[in-house]
Amino acid sequence: MKAVADSNIYVSGLLFKGPPSEFLRLAQLGKMQLFISAPILDEIVGVLSRQKFGLTNSEIARLKRIIQRTARNIEPKAGVDAVKAGTPGSAFTHVNPWLVTELQKIVFLLFSIT
């Protein structure tokens, strides 16, 4: 199986137990191929640098190395013009953020058991 994960999956998987950490573990065990792009890696480092996580620069660097060993770096050939939840006129105008998070957990749980 091949997969690309959102930055939230990496952050949750590296810092907490649960479906995202199982998802990353599958990639580390070679059960699937995980791919990442430089913009996603930069976003992960930015999120890990937030004060609320209390990580040192060396801890962030260590987590970044784990990601680089786990996921194969790719350069996307095309961009995606995504519409964010709550954007007027989008199908996602009234989506509850909690629901989106719960749906993500289910999707990643499915990945972890396949």
Protein backbone atom coordinates (compact mmCIF):
# COMPACT_ATOMS: atom_id res chain seq x y z
CA MET A 1 0.00 0.00 0.00
CA LYS A 2 1.13 3.56 -0.71
CA ALA A 3 0.02 6.56 1.33
CA VAL A 4 0.53 10.26 1.89
CA ALA A 5 -0.34 11.56 5.35
CA ASP A 6 -1.36 15.03 6.46
CA SER A 7 0.89 16.88 8.90
CA ASN A 8 -1.64 16.26 11.69
CA ILE A 9 -1.11 12.52 11.38
CA TYR A 10 2.63 12.89 11.77
CA VAL A 11 2.35 15.20 14.77
CA SER A 12 -0.24 13.01 16.51
CA GLY A 13 1.58 9.82 15.57
CA LEU A 14 4.93 11.03 16.85
CA LEU A 15 3.69 12.55 20.09
CA PHE A 16 0.70 10.42 21.14
CA LYS A 17 -0.59 6.84 21.03
CA GLY A 18 -3.53 5.89 18.86
CA PRO A 19 -4.41 5.26 15.21
CA PRO A 20 -1.94 7.84 13.81
CA SER A 21 0.97 6.25 15.72
CA GLU A 22 -0.11 2.82 14.45
CA PHE A 23 -0.25 4.23 10.93
CA LEU A 24 3.34 5.48 11.22
CA ARG A 25 4.43 2.20 12.78
CA LEU A 26 3.14 0.31 9.73
CA ALA A 27 5.35 2.48 7.53
CA GLN A 28 8.35 1.96 9.81
CA LEU A 29 7.82 -1.80 9.61
CA GLY A 30 7.69 -1.67 5.82
CA LYS A 31 4.04 -2.74 5.66
CA MET A 32 3.32 0.24 3.39
CA GLN A 33 5.16 2.97 1.54
CA LEU A 34 4.69 6.41 3.05
CA PHE A 35 5.46 9.48 0.96
CA ILE A 36 6.05 13.08 2.04
CA SER A 37 6.79 16.38 0.32
CA ALA A 38 9.00 19.23 1.53
CA PRO A 39 6.00 21.52 2.21
CA ILE A 40 4.38 18.86 4.44
CA LEU A 41 7.66 18.28 6.29
CA ASP A 42 8.09 22.04 6.79
CA GLU A 43 4.55 22.28 8.16
CA ILE A 44 5.22 19.41 10.59
CA VAL A 45 8.38 21.09 11.88
CA GLY A 46 6.44 24.35 12.27
CA VAL A 47 3.70 22.66 14.27
CA LEU A 48 6.19 20.74 16.45
CA SER A 49 7.92 24.07 17.17
CA ARG A 50 4.81 25.50 18.82
CA GLN A 51 5.28 26.32 22.47
CA LYS A 52 2.31 24.16 23.53
CA PHE A 53 4.31 20.99 22.76
CA GLY A 54 7.34 22.13 24.77
CA LEU A 55 9.86 20.43 22.47
CA THR A 56 13.48 21.48 22.25
CA ASN A 57 15.20 22.09 18.92
CA SER A 58 17.12 18.82 19.31
CA GLU A 59 13.88 16.90 19.99
CA ILE A 60 12.29 18.45 16.91
CA ALA A 61 15.35 17.56 14.83
CA ARG A 62 15.17 13.96 16.10
CA LEU A 63 11.48 13.70 15.16
CA LYS A 64 12.25 15.18 11.74
CA ARG A 65 14.91 12.48 11.19
CA ILE A 66 12.38 9.80 12.16
CA ILE A 67 10.00 11.15 9.52
CA GLN A 68 12.75 11.28 6.92
CA ARG A 69 13.65 7.64 7.62
CA THR A 70 10.00 6.56 7.60
CA ALA A 71 8.66 8.41 4.55
CA ARG A 72 10.07 8.73 1.05
CA ASN A 73 10.47 12.32 -0.11
CA ILE A 74 8.60 13.23 -3.28
CA GLU A 75 8.09 16.42 -5.25
CA PRO A 76 4.46 16.87 -6.30
CA LYS A 77 4.03 17.56 -10.02
CA ALA A 78 0.74 19.41 -9.55
CA GLY A 79 -0.85 21.47 -6.82
CA VAL A 80 -4.30 21.11 -5.33
CA ASP A 81 -6.69 24.01 -4.95
CA ALA A 82 -8.43 22.79 -1.81
CA VAL A 83 -11.45 24.45 -0.25
CA LYS A 84 -11.35 24.74 3.53
CA ALA A 85 -14.31 23.98 5.75
CA GLY A 86 -16.35 27.09 6.41
CA THR A 87 -15.50 28.77 3.09
CA PRO A 88 -18.68 30.54 1.87
CA GLY A 89 -20.20 28.67 -1.06
CA SER A 90 -18.35 25.44 -0.37
CA ALA A 91 -19.95 22.12 0.42
CA PHE A 92 -18.14 22.28 3.76
CA THR A 93 -19.62 25.55 5.02
CA HIS A 94 -21.40 23.89 7.95
CA VAL A 95 -18.99 21.07 8.79
CA ASN A 96 -18.30 20.67 12.47
CA PRO A 97 -14.49 20.53 13.05
CA TRP A 98 -15.02 17.78 15.66
CA LEU A 99 -16.74 15.65 13.00
CA VAL A 100 -13.85 16.13 10.58
CA THR A 101 -11.39 15.04 13.29
CA GLU A 102 -13.46 11.97 14.13
CA LEU A 103 -13.74 11.02 10.46
CA GLN A 104 -9.97 11.34 10.13
CA LYS A 105 -9.49 9.00 13.09
CA ILE A 106 -11.72 6.42 11.43
CA VAL A 107 -9.88 6.65 8.12
CA PHE A 108 -6.51 6.24 9.80
CA LEU A 109 -7.78 3.38 11.92
CA LEU A 110 -8.81 1.64 8.70
CA PHE A 111 -5.33 2.20 7.32
CA SER A 112 -3.80 0.69 10.43
CA ILE A 113 -5.73 -2.57 10.14
CA THR A 114 -5.26 -3.21 6.42
